Amino acid sequence: MAPTEAFRRSPNDKPKSVWTRIQLLLSLNYVGSILLSLLFGVLFLALRSRQYTAVDGALRCLDGFYNSALRLPGNNHLLYPFWIWMWTRVAVFAGFLTSDPFAFVGLCQVMNGIAASIAIGILYLILHTIAGIRNALLGALMFGFSTAVVLHATSSAEPVMGVMFSLASFAALISALRVNSSLRLSLAGALLALAMASYQSMVLIAPAMLLVCGCWAQSSGAKTWRIVGSRWLMFMAGAVTAGLIIYAAAYATLGVPPGSMVSQFFAMGGRAEVYGRFGTAKVLNIPFGLIRNLYSGVPANYAGIRSLLGRSDRVYCIAALAGGFALCSFVVWHALAGLIQATRQSKKRRILIGAAALASLLILAFPLLYWDPLYDKLWLQPLAVLFIAVGYGTRFANRRLTESRALAVVLVVILITEVSVNVPRAIADHVAPTAHLDEAQDLAATVRPSDSVVLDFDGVSSLWQAFWGHRVNALLLPASNKEEAAKWLEDANRNAASQGGSVFFVSVLDQNRKTWDGFLGNRVGVPFEMFEKYRKRATIIRGYLAPTGKITVRKFTPPSEAPAL
């Protein structure tokens, strides 16, 4: 995995085509990186989404609007509130106003748009170094126009800063290996620690980076292993040192005692007991996740392979998916062939490298296999690594000219599909009114400060809670458990009875037993029977239409003399 030579041209050669002139300009890798960052920066900032619930977690930034003090969450995205806090204060200092929550969300979207555009520029630098200019330009464009990137670059969700720092870490590593710099190796490790603190799963690129350190040398023997060992040591030294500083400071802010910081660091957040588990279906859905997060090639309401067979347009959907699988398989196959050919080592060493590469891939794909293979934010880093591998593999594959042209055509077809699908979708999300916002505002006019509200994951619940529900006693039922829900309901009934208030249920009581048990009962652990009296006695006061069906708002007013559950 030696670095390639930069693009060269004799001073006496005269450009004969537009592409040649572009090559000459972009052969200065920093020029190409800056131009791409500017291109995508303008695009992302111009298309900031008004569909605030299109990606998960986008409205968590509003905690920084309603609470002036910096409050850090758990490990999953520890520094996200810090970046929001710092960015918005710099923006206010520069004269930008955040007088209302909608302006605040828009300002946070600007942060993500800039960070995503920088990440694309960094990816171009990496590919330019290891795969050549053509692969760099094509890979960076395909990554930038992918569904997962466009969705998050135009929203205010958490993972974008982590992606930027993880790619910066990879770029620092490549730079360190090219010039044999221990300082840059340590810098790469420190940037990876920052990426992990920004979004926890970004650390899973570490095994791939350590593999790059080991494969960069072309010789073999004890001397090579000493060199590789020293590289790993400097890289890990930077990561551990920066990690200790970052996490110690963050945990101190959270009030975690020093003796509990180690256990806190290794704690897996995100309610893994509810949402995390392995299964055959998740493995089988990895290709569907890839297609969805490249160009939205999977139906929006896709609920598993079996669900395709029950659709009225199943013939079209299956044909489109088969075509997408064929294109992606063609690219991956040629990339793997190139990677194998580029590893000019003994058979034993190639087997060892292949096993290490497979292990690195499985580690990188762990969130997809454990949480959700369709989850867009978990595809951001795997997509970047995929384009790096494809770029490097296609650069060194020994193939006939016709095969090279076929591969180039396939890549361009995928890129054109991304642009033709994702850009119009981003334009629509920017122009169209926010879905369910009127309904959430209507709910806000209905609920009083003395009331309590039980919520689901629907759009009305999410928007109401983010923009109007910060001062109202609310329970997000899918994020609770049996004990928490029972205690909350008891307190809510008592407070409503004493203050003349009511308990509202948004969407929660619309589910039949089968649907309830499928998630809330079997996964969250909240029994269907716990809410039986509310189904019988709560009155429907509102009904909102949604793509998944009707969302009802039900009101339960407990007797003043009997506030108990």
Protein backbone atom coordinates (compact mmCIF):
# COMPACT_ATOMS: atom_id res chain seq x y z
CA MET A 1 0.00 0.00 0.00
CA ALA A 2 2.71 2.46 -1.00
CA PRO A 3 1.77 6.06 -1.80
CA THR A 4 1.31 6.88 -5.44
CA GLU A 5 3.20 9.58 -7.25
CA ALA A 6 1.50 12.89 -7.76
CA PHE A 7 0.08 13.69 -11.17
CA ARG A 8 2.91 14.90 -13.39
CA ARG A 9 3.04 16.60 -16.77
CA SER A 10 5.98 17.77 -18.80
CA PRO A 11 6.29 21.57 -19.10
CA ASN A 12 6.46 21.16 -22.87
CA ASP A 13 3.13 19.34 -23.10
CA LYS A 14 0.19 21.44 -24.15
CA PRO A 15 -3.30 20.73 -22.82
CA LYS A 16 -5.48 19.36 -25.59
CA SER A 17 -8.81 19.06 -23.82
CA VAL A 18 -10.96 20.55 -21.09
CA TRP A 19 -10.40 17.45 -18.94
CA THR A 20 -6.62 17.90 -19.28
CA ARG A 21 -6.90 21.50 -18.10
CA ILE A 22 -9.01 20.37 -15.14
CA GLN A 23 -6.39 17.73 -14.34
CA LEU A 24 -3.63 20.31 -14.36
CA LEU A 25 -5.57 22.49 -11.92
CA LEU A 26 -6.64 19.66 -9.64
CA SER A 27 -3.18 18.06 -9.68
CA LEU A 28 -2.46 20.56 -6.93
CA ASN A 29 -4.36 18.46 -4.42
CA TYR A 30 -5.12 21.31 -2.02
CA VAL A 31 -6.68 23.33 -4.85
CA GLY A 32 -9.03 20.48 -5.68
CA SER A 33 -9.85 19.97 -2.02
CA ILE A 34 -10.68 23.63 -1.49
CA LEU A 35 -12.77 23.85 -4.66
CA LEU A 36 -14.79 20.77 -3.73
CA SER A 37 -15.32 22.03 -0.17
CA LEU A 38 -16.54 25.36 -1.50
CA LEU A 39 -18.85 23.67 -4.02
CA PHE A 40 -20.50 21.44 -1.45
CA GLY A 41 -20.48 24.15 1.20
CA VAL A 42 -22.55 26.45 -1.02
CA LEU A 43 -24.85 23.57 -1.95
CA PHE A 44 -25.46 22.41 1.62
CA LEU A 45 -26.00 25.89 3.02
CA ALA A 46 -28.40 26.76 0.21
CA LEU A 47 -30.44 23.59 0.81
CA ARG A 48 -30.78 23.54 4.59
CA SER A 49 -33.70 21.24 5.33
CA ARG A 50 -37.01 22.35 6.77
CA GLN A 51 -37.91 18.71 7.45
CA TYR A 52 -36.47 18.64 10.95
CA THR A 53 -37.42 15.03 11.64
CA ALA A 54 -36.02 13.62 8.37
CA VAL A 55 -32.99 12.31 10.29
CA ASP A 56 -32.81 11.14 13.88
CA GLY A 57 -31.44 13.51 16.49
CA ALA A 58 -31.53 16.73 14.48
CA LEU A 59 -33.61 18.56 17.10
CA ARG A 60 -31.37 17.66 20.02
CA CYS A 61 -29.44 20.85 19.29
CA LEU A 62 -32.34 22.83 20.80
CA ASP A 63 -31.21 21.88 24.28
CA GLY A 64 -28.52 24.52 23.70
CA PHE A 65 -31.19 27.10 22.92
CA TYR A 66 -33.35 26.51 25.99
CA ASN A 67 -30.47 25.94 28.42
CA SER A 68 -27.69 28.52 28.56
CA ALA A 69 -25.42 26.22 30.56
CA LEU A 70 -23.44 23.60 28.64
CA ARG A 71 -24.89 20.12 29.29
CA LEU A 72 -23.11 17.05 27.94
CA PRO A 73 -24.93 13.74 27.26
CA GLY A 74 -23.52 10.21 27.49
CA ASN A 75 -20.79 8.65 25.39
CA ASN A 76 -22.70 8.30 22.13
CA HIS A 77 -22.21 11.91 21.08
CA LEU A 78 -20.45 13.41 24.06
CA LEU A 79 -19.11 16.61 22.47
CA TYR A 80 -22.07 17.38 20.21
CA PRO A 81 -23.56 19.91 22.68
CA PHE A 82 -20.10 21.47 23.06
CA TRP A 83 -19.76 22.05 19.32
CA ILE A 84 -23.29 23.52 19.25
CA TRP A 85 -22.51 25.71 22.26
CA MET A 86 -19.23 26.97 20.80
CA TRP A 87 -20.54 27.45 17.26
CA THR A 88 -23.65 29.41 18.25
CA ARG A 89 -21.69 31.70 20.56
CA VAL A 90 -19.18 32.49 17.85
CA ALA A 91 -22.09 33.14 15.48
CA VAL A 92 -23.78 35.50 17.94
CA PHE A 93 -20.48 37.31 18.42
CA ALA A 94 -20.29 37.69 14.62
CA GLY A 95 -23.76 39.26 14.55
CA PHE A 96 -26.03 36.32 13.72
CA LEU A 97 -29.21 36.25 15.82
CA THR A 98 -30.78 33.17 17.39
CA SER A 99 -33.88 34.80 18.81
CA ASP A 100 -36.16 31.83 18.16
CA PRO A 101 -35.67 28.05 18.07
CA PHE A 102 -36.11 27.83 14.30
CA ALA A 103 -33.28 30.29 13.67
CA PHE A 104 -31.17 28.34 16.16
CA VAL A 105 -31.73 25.08 14.26
CA GLY A 106 -30.83 26.83 11.02
CA LEU A 107 -27.59 28.06 12.53
CA CYS A 108 -26.72 24.55 13.66
CA GLN A 109 -27.44 23.32 10.13
CA VAL A 110 -24.82 25.79 8.89
CA MET A 111 -22.28 24.17 11.21
CA ASN A 112 -23.05 20.74 9.81
CA GLY A 113 -22.97 21.97 6.22
CA ILE A 114 -19.52 23.48 6.68
CA ALA A 115 -18.21 20.41 8.53
CA ALA A 116 -19.55 18.05 5.85
CA SER A 117 -18.03 20.10 3.03
CA ILE A 118 -14.65 20.07 4.82
CA ALA A 119 -14.95 16.29 5.25
CA ILE A 120 -15.52 15.91 1.49
CA GLY A 121 -12.44 18.02 0.79
CA ILE A 122 -10.39 15.89 3.17
CA LEU A 123 -11.61 12.71 1.47
CA TYR A 124 -10.44 14.17 -1.84
CA LEU A 125 -6.98 14.74 -0.33
CA ILE A 126 -6.79 11.14 0.87
CA LEU A 127 -7.87 9.72 -2.47
CA HIS A 128 -5.60 12.06 -4.41
CA THR A 129 -2.64 10.73 -2.48
CA ILE A 130 -3.34 7.01 -2.64
CA ALA A 131 -5.51 6.59 -5.73
CA GLY A 132 -4.84 9.37 -8.23
CA ILE A 133 -6.74 12.40 -9.37
CA ARG A 134 -9.54 10.71 -11.31
CA ASN A 135 -10.49 8.41 -8.45
CA ALA A 136 -10.17 11.30 -6.00
CA LEU A 137 -12.58 13.49 -7.89
CA LEU A 138 -15.08 10.71 -8.55
CA GLY A 139 -14.91 9.28 -5.02
CA ALA A 140 -15.32 12.67 -3.34
CA LEU A 141 -18.26 13.57 -5.57
CA MET A 142 -19.97 10.21 -4.98
CA PHE A 143 -19.51 10.56 -1.21
CA GLY A 144 -20.73 14.17 -1.18
CA PHE A 145 -23.86 13.45 -3.20
CA SER A 146 -24.77 10.24 -1.35
CA THR A 147 -28.10 10.18 0.47
CA ALA A 148 -26.62 9.83 3.96
CA VAL A 149 -24.28 12.80 3.49
CA VAL A 150 -26.86 15.10 1.89
CA LEU A 151 -29.40 14.33 4.62
CA HIS A 152 -27.00 15.12 7.45
CA ALA A 153 -25.15 18.00 5.82
CA THR A 154 -28.46 19.87 5.47
CA SER A 155 -29.69 19.02 8.98
CA SER A 156 -28.49 19.63 12.53
CA ALA A 157 -27.94 15.98 13.58
CA GLU A 158 -24.99 14.80 15.66
CA PRO A 159 -22.53 12.70 13.60
CA VAL A 160 -21.14 15.19 11.06
CA MET A 161 -18.42 16.65 13.28
CA GLY A 162 -17.27 13.12 14.10
CA VAL A 163 -17.05 12.25 10.38
CA MET A 164 -14.97 15.34 9.71
CA PHE A 165 -12.49 14.58 12.51
CA SER A 166 -12.24 10.88 11.60
CA LEU A 167 -11.37 11.70 7.98
CA ALA A 168 -8.92 14.35 9.19
CA SER A 169 -7.33 11.64 11.32
CA PHE A 170 -7.03 9.33 8.29
CA ALA A 171 -5.52 12.14 6.21
CA ALA A 172 -3.00 12.94 8.95
CA LEU A 173 -2.07 9.25 9.06
CA ILE A 174 -1.43 9.10 5.30
CA SER A 175 0.61 12.29 5.51
CA ALA A 176 2.63 10.87 8.41
CA LEU A 177 3.40 7.67 6.53
CA ARG A 178 4.49 9.53 3.41
CA VAL A 179 7.11 11.61 5.26
CA ASN A 180 7.71 9.16 8.14
CA SER A 181 6.66 11.69 10.80
CA SER A 182 6.08 10.50 14.36
CA LEU A 183 4.51 13.82 15.26
CA ARG A 184 1.88 13.49 12.55
CA LEU A 185 1.16 9.93 13.65
CA SER A 186 0.42 11.23 17.14
CA LEU A 187 -1.70 13.99 15.61
CA ALA A 188 -3.69 11.34 13.71
CA GLY A 189 -4.33 9.51 16.98
CA ALA A 190 -5.40 12.71 18.73
CA LEU A 191 -7.82 13.58 15.93
CA LEU A 192 -9.33 10.09 16.15
CA ALA A 193 -9.91 10.57 19.88
CA LEU A 194 -11.66 13.84 19.08
CA ALA A 195 -13.77 12.07 16.45
CA MET A 196 -14.77 9.38 18.96
CA ALA A 197 -15.74 11.98 21.56
CA SER A 198 -17.81 13.80 18.93
CA TYR A 199 -19.60 10.64 17.79
CA GLN A 200 -18.64 7.39 19.45
CA SER A 201 -18.80 4.95 16.52
CA MET A 202 -16.17 6.95 14.60
CA VAL A 203 -13.46 5.18 16.60
CA LEU A 204 -14.26 1.97 14.72
CA ILE A 205 -12.10 3.16 11.84
CA ALA A 206 -9.04 2.63 14.08
CA PRO A 207 -8.37 -1.03 13.06
CA ALA A 208 -8.38 -0.02 9.39
CA MET A 209 -5.93 2.79 10.16
CA LEU A 210 -3.63 0.43 12.06
CA LEU A 211 -3.79 -1.94 9.08
CA VAL A 212 -2.72 0.89 6.79
CA CYS A 213 0.26 1.53 9.10
CA GLY A 214 1.25 -2.12 8.78
CA CYS A 215 0.82 -2.36 5.01
CA TRP A 216 2.56 0.85 4.04
CA ALA A 217 6.04 -0.74 4.19
CA GLN A 218 6.88 -2.94 1.21
CA SER A 219 9.67 -4.96 2.78
CA SER A 220 9.35 -7.87 5.23
CA GLY A 221 11.19 -9.23 8.21
CA ALA A 222 12.00 -8.17 11.75
CA LYS A 223 12.97 -4.64 10.72
CA THR A 224 9.58 -4.04 9.16
CA TRP A 225 7.78 -5.24 12.27
CA ARG A 226 9.85 -2.88 14.41
CA ILE A 227 8.89 -0.01 12.12
CA VAL A 228 5.22 -0.97 12.19
CA GLY A 229 5.31 -1.35 15.97
CA SER A 230 6.80 2.12 16.40
CA ARG A 231 4.11 3.58 14.15
CA TRP A 232 1.36 1.92 16.14
CA LEU A 233 2.93 3.13 19.37
CA MET A 234 3.06 6.78 18.26
CA PHE A 235 -0.48 6.62 16.87
CA MET A 236 -1.88 5.08 20.06
CA ALA A 237 0.10 7.49 22.22
CA GLY A 238 -1.61 10.43 20.53
CA ALA A 239 -5.03 8.79 20.79
CA VAL A 240 -4.70 7.80 24.46
CA THR A 241 -3.24 11.14 25.54
CA ALA A 242 -5.91 13.18 23.77
CA GLY A 243 -8.62 10.78 24.92
CA LEU A 244 -7.60 11.09 28.56
CA ILE A 245 -7.70 14.87 28.37
CA ILE A 246 -11.00 15.08 26.47
CA TYR A 247 -12.94 12.49 28.45
CA ALA A 248 -11.59 13.51 31.85
CA ALA A 249 -12.65 17.11 31.21
CA ALA A 250 -16.05 16.03 29.85
CA TYR A 251 -16.77 13.61 32.70
CA ALA A 252 -15.75 16.23 35.23
CA THR A 253 -18.31 18.55 33.64
CA LEU A 254 -20.90 15.77 33.97
CA GLY A 255 -20.02 15.33 37.63
CA VAL A 256 -18.66 11.79 37.21
CA PRO A 257 -16.32 10.91 40.13
CA PRO A 258 -12.73 10.12 39.08
CA GLY A 259 -13.08 6.55 40.29
CA SER A 260 -16.07 5.97 38.00
CA MET A 261 -14.65 7.53 34.85
CA VAL A 262 -13.20 4.30 33.46
CA SER A 263 -16.47 2.40 33.79
CA GLN A 264 -18.31 5.40 32.34
CA PHE A 265 -15.99 5.37 29.31
CA PHE A 266 -16.76 1.72 28.52
CA ALA A 267 -20.51 2.07 29.07
CA MET A 268 -22.55 1.53 25.91
CA GLY A 269 -25.30 4.09 25.70
CA GLY A 270 -28.19 4.36 23.28
CA ARG A 271 -30.30 1.82 25.20
CA ALA A 272 -28.51 -1.16 23.69
CA GLU A 273 -30.78 -3.51 25.62
CA VAL A 274 -33.71 -2.25 23.50
CA TYR A 275 -32.26 -1.32 20.13
CA GLY A 276 -29.11 -3.41 19.91
CA ARG A 277 -28.94 -7.07 18.95
CA PHE A 278 -27.50 -9.25 16.21
CA GLY A 279 -29.64 -11.16 13.74
CA THR A 280 -29.61 -12.79 10.33
CA ALA A 281 -32.06 -10.21 8.99
CA LYS A 282 -29.60 -7.41 9.76
CA VAL A 283 -26.85 -9.14 7.79
CA LEU A 284 -29.18 -9.67 4.83
CA ASN A 285 -30.25 -6.02 4.91
CA ILE A 286 -26.72 -4.57 4.67
CA PRO A 287 -26.93 -4.33 0.84
CA PHE A 288 -30.33 -2.65 1.16
CA GLY A 289 -28.79 -0.15 3.57
CA LEU A 290 -26.01 0.58 1.09
CA ILE A 291 -28.47 1.20 -1.75
CA ARG A 292 -30.69 3.36 0.47
CA ASN A 293 -27.82 5.54 1.68
CA LEU A 294 -26.21 5.93 -1.73
CA TYR A 295 -29.22 7.12 -3.74
CA SER A 296 -32.41 6.33 -1.80
CA GLY A 297 -32.88 3.22 -3.90
CA VAL A 298 -34.98 1.47 -1.25
CA PRO A 299 -38.64 2.47 -0.67
CA ALA A 300 -39.05 4.93 2.19
CA ASN A 301 -41.42 2.61 4.06
CA TYR A 302 -39.26 -0.48 3.55
CA ALA A 303 -39.73 -2.82 6.53
CA GLY A 304 -37.71 -5.85 5.50
CA ILE A 305 -37.26 -8.11 2.51
CA ARG A 306 -40.69 -9.70 2.94
CA SER A 307 -42.36 -6.29 2.80
CA LEU A 308 -41.27 -5.89 -0.82
CA LEU A 309 -43.38 -8.85 -1.90
CA GLY A 310 -46.55 -7.28 -0.53
CA ARG A 311 -46.19 -3.98 -2.40
CA SER A 312 -48.33 -3.15 -5.40
CA ASP A 313 -45.22 -1.90 -7.23
CA ARG A 314 -43.09 -4.87 -6.17
CA VAL A 315 -42.01 -5.71 -9.73
CA TYR A 316 -40.58 -2.23 -10.25
CA CYS A 317 -38.99 -2.11 -6.78
CA ILE A 318 -37.36 -5.52 -7.10
CA ALA A 319 -36.07 -4.73 -10.60
CA ALA A 320 -34.63 -1.39 -9.45
CA LEU A 321 -32.98 -2.99 -6.42
CA ALA A 322 -31.55 -5.81 -8.53
CA GLY A 323 -30.02 -3.24 -10.87
CA GLY A 324 -28.54 -1.33 -7.94
CA PHE A 325 -27.12 -4.50 -6.41
CA ALA A 326 -25.57 -5.45 -9.74
CA LEU A 327 -23.87 -2.07 -10.14
CA CYS A 328 -22.56 -1.97 -6.57
CA SER A 329 -21.40 -5.60 -6.73
CA PHE A 330 -19.52 -4.87 -9.95
CA VAL A 331 -17.68 -1.96 -8.30
CA VAL A 332 -16.90 -3.83 -5.09
CA TRP A 333 -15.64 -6.89 -6.99
CA HIS A 334 -13.21 -4.83 -9.05
CA ALA A 335 -12.10 -2.91 -5.96
CA LEU A 336 -11.35 -6.15 -4.10
CA ALA A 337 -9.42 -7.48 -7.10
CA GLY A 338 -7.36 -4.30 -7.14
CA LEU A 339 -6.69 -4.44 -3.42
CA ILE A 340 -5.46 -8.04 -3.73
CA GLN A 341 -3.22 -7.18 -6.68
CA ALA A 342 -1.83 -4.12 -4.90
CA THR A 343 -0.69 -6.24 -1.95
CA ARG A 344 2.56 -7.48 -3.46
CA GLN A 345 3.53 -9.79 -0.62
CA SER A 346 4.13 -13.46 -0.03
CA LYS A 347 1.10 -15.77 -0.01
CA LYS A 348 1.28 -16.18 3.77
CA ARG A 349 1.49 -12.44 4.34
CA ARG A 350 -1.36 -11.79 1.91
CA ILE A 351 -3.56 -14.22 3.81
CA LEU A 352 -2.67 -12.46 7.06
CA ILE A 353 -3.43 -9.05 5.56
CA GLY A 354 -6.69 -10.37 4.11
CA ALA A 355 -7.79 -11.69 7.49
CA ALA A 356 -6.88 -8.40 9.16
CA ALA A 357 -8.77 -6.46 6.49
CA LEU A 358 -11.86 -8.65 7.00
CA ALA A 359 -11.69 -8.11 10.76
CA SER A 360 -11.37 -4.35 10.21
CA LEU A 361 -14.39 -4.41 7.93
CA LEU A 362 -16.50 -6.31 10.47
CA ILE A 363 -15.52 -3.88 13.22
CA LEU A 364 -16.38 -0.91 11.01
CA ALA A 365 -19.74 -2.50 10.19
CA PHE A 366 -20.50 -3.37 13.83
CA PRO A 367 -23.05 -0.52 14.37
CA LEU A 368 -24.93 -1.58 11.24
CA LEU A 369 -24.99 -5.23 12.27
CA TYR A 370 -25.87 -4.51 15.90
CA TRP A 371 -28.16 -1.47 15.70
CA ASP A 372 -29.74 -1.04 12.28
CA PRO A 373 -28.35 -1.78 8.78
CA LEU A 374 -30.61 0.94 7.29
CA TYR A 375 -29.77 3.71 9.79
CA ASP A 376 -28.44 6.61 7.72
CA LYS A 377 -26.11 8.21 10.29
CA LEU A 378 -24.30 4.90 10.83
CA TRP A 379 -23.49 4.73 7.10
CA LEU A 380 -21.53 7.99 6.96
CA GLN A 381 -18.14 6.60 7.93
CA PRO A 382 -18.52 3.20 6.17
CA LEU A 383 -19.34 5.05 2.95
CA ALA A 384 -16.20 7.17 3.24
CA VAL A 385 -14.03 4.09 3.87
CA LEU A 386 -15.79 2.28 1.01
CA PHE A 387 -14.88 5.05 -1.44
CA ILE A 388 -11.27 5.03 -0.18
CA ALA A 389 -11.08 1.26 -0.73
CA VAL A 390 -12.76 1.48 -4.14
CA GLY A 391 -10.49 4.31 -5.23
CA TYR A 392 -7.32 2.55 -4.17
CA GLY A 393 -8.42 -0.83 -5.50
CA THR A 394 -9.49 0.46 -8.90
CA ARG A 395 -6.26 2.45 -9.19
CA PHE A 396 -4.06 -0.64 -8.97
CA ALA A 397 -6.20 -3.34 -10.54
CA ASN A 398 -4.60 -4.85 -13.64
CA ARG A 399 -7.40 -5.04 -16.16
CA ARG A 400 -8.01 -4.56 -19.84
CA LEU A 401 -8.95 -1.16 -21.21
CA THR A 402 -12.53 -2.27 -21.86
CA GLU A 403 -12.91 -3.34 -18.21
CA SER A 404 -11.53 -0.01 -17.00
CA ARG A 405 -13.97 1.86 -19.18
CA ALA A 406 -16.85 -0.32 -18.00
CA LEU A 407 -15.96 0.36 -14.37
CA ALA A 408 -15.71 4.10 -15.04
CA VAL A 409 -19.13 4.03 -16.73
CA VAL A 410 -20.68 2.19 -13.77
CA LEU A 411 -19.23 4.68 -11.28
CA VAL A 412 -20.46 7.62 -13.32
CA VAL A 413 -23.92 6.03 -13.60
CA ILE A 414 -24.08 5.69 -9.81
CA LEU A 415 -22.94 9.31 -9.40
CA ILE A 416 -25.54 10.59 -11.87
CA THR A 417 -28.21 8.57 -10.05
CA GLU A 418 -27.15 10.10 -6.72
CA VAL A 419 -27.32 13.62 -8.09
CA SER A 420 -30.61 13.11 -9.91
CA VAL A 421 -32.29 11.62 -6.82
CA ASN A 422 -30.71 13.34 -3.82
CA VAL A 423 -30.42 16.93 -5.04
CA PRO A 424 -34.11 17.25 -6.04
CA ARG A 425 -35.04 15.64 -2.74
CA ALA A 426 -32.89 18.15 -0.84
CA ILE A 427 -34.48 21.00 -2.79
CA ALA A 428 -37.95 19.70 -1.90
CA ASP A 429 -37.01 19.35 1.78
CA HIS A 430 -35.75 22.94 1.74
CA VAL A 431 -38.75 24.45 -0.05
CA ALA A 432 -41.66 22.44 1.32
CA PRO A 433 -43.28 23.49 4.63
CA THR A 434 -42.19 21.46 7.63
CA ALA A 435 -44.26 18.31 7.80
CA HIS A 436 -46.45 18.08 10.96
CA LEU A 437 -45.41 21.52 12.18
CA ASP A 438 -48.96 22.90 12.09
CA GLU A 439 -50.20 19.87 14.01
CA ALA A 440 -47.44 20.24 16.61
CA GLN A 441 -48.31 23.91 17.00
CA ASP A 442 -51.98 23.00 17.43
CA LEU A 443 -50.96 20.53 20.14
CA ALA A 444 -48.93 23.27 21.82
CA ALA A 445 -52.03 25.47 21.96
CA THR A 446 -53.96 22.61 23.57
CA VAL A 447 -51.51 21.54 26.29
CA ARG A 448 -51.19 23.72 29.41
CA PRO A 449 -48.22 23.92 31.81
CA SER A 450 -50.21 21.93 34.39
CA ASP A 451 -50.72 19.04 31.94
CA SER A 452 -48.55 16.01 31.25
CA VAL A 453 -47.98 14.37 27.86
CA VAL A 454 -47.05 10.81 26.79
CA LEU A 455 -45.29 10.77 23.41
CA ASP A 456 -44.26 8.34 20.70
CA PHE A 457 -41.62 8.67 17.93
CA ASP A 458 -44.07 10.21 15.43
CA GLY A 459 -43.44 13.57 13.76
CA VAL A 460 -46.03 15.48 15.79
CA SER A 461 -44.56 14.26 19.08
CA SER A 462 -40.99 15.03 18.04
CA LEU A 463 -41.70 18.57 16.84
CA TRP A 464 -43.90 19.45 19.80
CA GLN A 465 -41.37 18.19 22.31
CA ALA A 466 -38.47 20.02 20.62
CA PHE A 467 -40.07 23.40 20.02
CA TRP A 468 -42.78 23.70 22.68
CA GLY A 469 -42.52 20.89 25.19
CA HIS A 470 -39.31 21.78 27.00
CA ARG A 471 -41.21 23.15 30.01
CA VAL A 472 -44.00 20.55 30.08
CA ASN A 473 -43.83 17.25 31.96
CA ALA A 474 -43.48 14.70 29.14
CA LEU A 475 -42.67 11.02 28.78
CA LEU A 476 -41.20 9.66 25.54
CA LEU A 477 -42.53 6.15 25.98
CA PRO A 478 -40.20 4.25 23.55
CA ALA A 479 -37.22 5.72 25.41
CA SER A 480 -38.44 4.60 28.86
CA ASN A 481 -39.06 1.23 30.55
CA LYS A 482 -41.78 -0.38 32.64
CA GLU A 483 -40.62 1.04 35.97
CA GLU A 484 -40.01 4.56 34.64
CA ALA A 485 -43.36 4.63 32.84
CA ALA A 486 -45.28 3.40 35.90
CA LYS A 487 -43.64 5.97 38.19
CA TRP A 488 -44.15 8.76 35.67
CA LEU A 489 -47.85 7.93 35.20
CA GLU A 490 -48.39 7.84 38.95
CA ASP A 491 -46.79 11.27 39.38
CA ALA A 492 -48.56 12.69 36.33
CA ASN A 493 -51.97 11.60 37.61
CA ARG A 494 -51.23 13.00 41.06
CA ASN A 495 -50.06 16.37 39.70
CA ALA A 496 -52.95 16.63 37.25
CA ALA A 497 -55.47 15.90 40.00
CA SER A 498 -53.96 18.44 42.38
CA GLN A 499 -53.48 21.20 39.77
CA GLY A 500 -56.59 20.68 37.68
CA GLY A 501 -54.63 19.39 34.71
CA SER A 502 -54.87 16.41 32.37
CA VAL A 503 -52.71 13.67 30.91
CA PHE A 504 -52.46 13.69 27.10
CA PHE A 505 -51.48 10.74 24.91
CA VAL A 506 -50.12 11.47 21.43
CA SER A 507 -50.18 8.49 19.04
CA VAL A 508 -49.37 6.02 21.84
CA LEU A 509 -52.91 4.66 22.29
CA ASP A 510 -53.45 4.24 18.54
CA GLN A 511 -51.52 0.97 18.46
CA ASN A 512 -53.28 -2.38 18.61
CA ARG A 513 -51.87 -5.17 20.76
CA LYS A 514 -49.89 -6.82 17.98
CA THR A 515 -48.13 -3.61 17.04
CA TRP A 516 -47.59 -2.68 20.69
CA ASP A 517 -46.08 -6.02 21.63
CA GLY A 518 -43.84 -5.97 18.58
CA PHE A 519 -41.77 -3.13 20.06
CA LEU A 520 -43.07 -1.42 23.19
CA GLY A 521 -43.99 -4.71 24.83
CA ASN A 522 -41.23 -7.11 23.80
CA ARG A 523 -38.34 -4.68 23.32
CA VAL A 524 -38.99 -1.70 25.62
CA GLY A 525 -40.71 -3.85 28.25
CA VAL A 526 -43.84 -1.74 28.75
CA PRO A 527 -46.88 -4.07 28.97
CA PHE A 528 -49.97 -3.37 26.90
CA GLU A 529 -52.16 -3.71 30.01
CA MET A 530 -50.48 -0.76 31.74
CA PHE A 531 -52.39 1.65 29.50
CA GLU A 532 -55.70 -0.21 29.34
CA LYS A 533 -57.63 2.20 31.57
CA TYR A 534 -56.46 5.14 29.45
CA ARG A 535 -57.68 3.42 26.26
CA LYS A 536 -61.10 3.04 27.87
CA ARG A 537 -61.42 6.42 29.56
CA ALA A 538 -59.30 8.88 27.56
CA THR A 539 -61.21 11.05 25.10
CA ILE A 540 -60.01 11.69 21.55
CA ILE A 541 -59.78 15.46 21.12
CA ARG A 542 -57.57 15.73 18.02
CA GLY A 543 -56.80 13.68 14.92
CA TYR A 544 -53.89 14.37 12.58
CA LEU A 545 -53.21 12.66 9.26
CA ALA A 546 -49.78 11.11 8.71
CA PRO A 547 -48.23 8.81 6.05
CA THR A 548 -48.33 5.93 8.55
CA GLY A 549 -51.98 6.52 9.47
CA LYS A 550 -54.02 8.78 11.73
CA ILE A 551 -52.36 10.24 14.84
CA THR A 552 -54.82 10.87 17.64
CA VAL A 553 -54.43 13.04 20.71
CA ARG A 554 -56.32 11.66 23.69
CA LYS A 555 -57.05 13.45 26.94
CA PHE A 556 -57.43 11.80 30.34
CA THR A 557 -58.48 13.87 33.34
CA PRO A 558 -58.07 12.00 36.64
CA PRO A 559 -60.62 12.58 39.42
CA SER A 560 -59.31 15.14 41.87
CA GLU A 561 -59.95 12.83 44.80
CA ALA A 562 -58.30 9.79 43.23
CA PRO A 563 -55.01 10.75 41.64
CA ALA A 564 -53.42 7.30 41.98
CA LEU A 565 -52.68 5.11 38.96
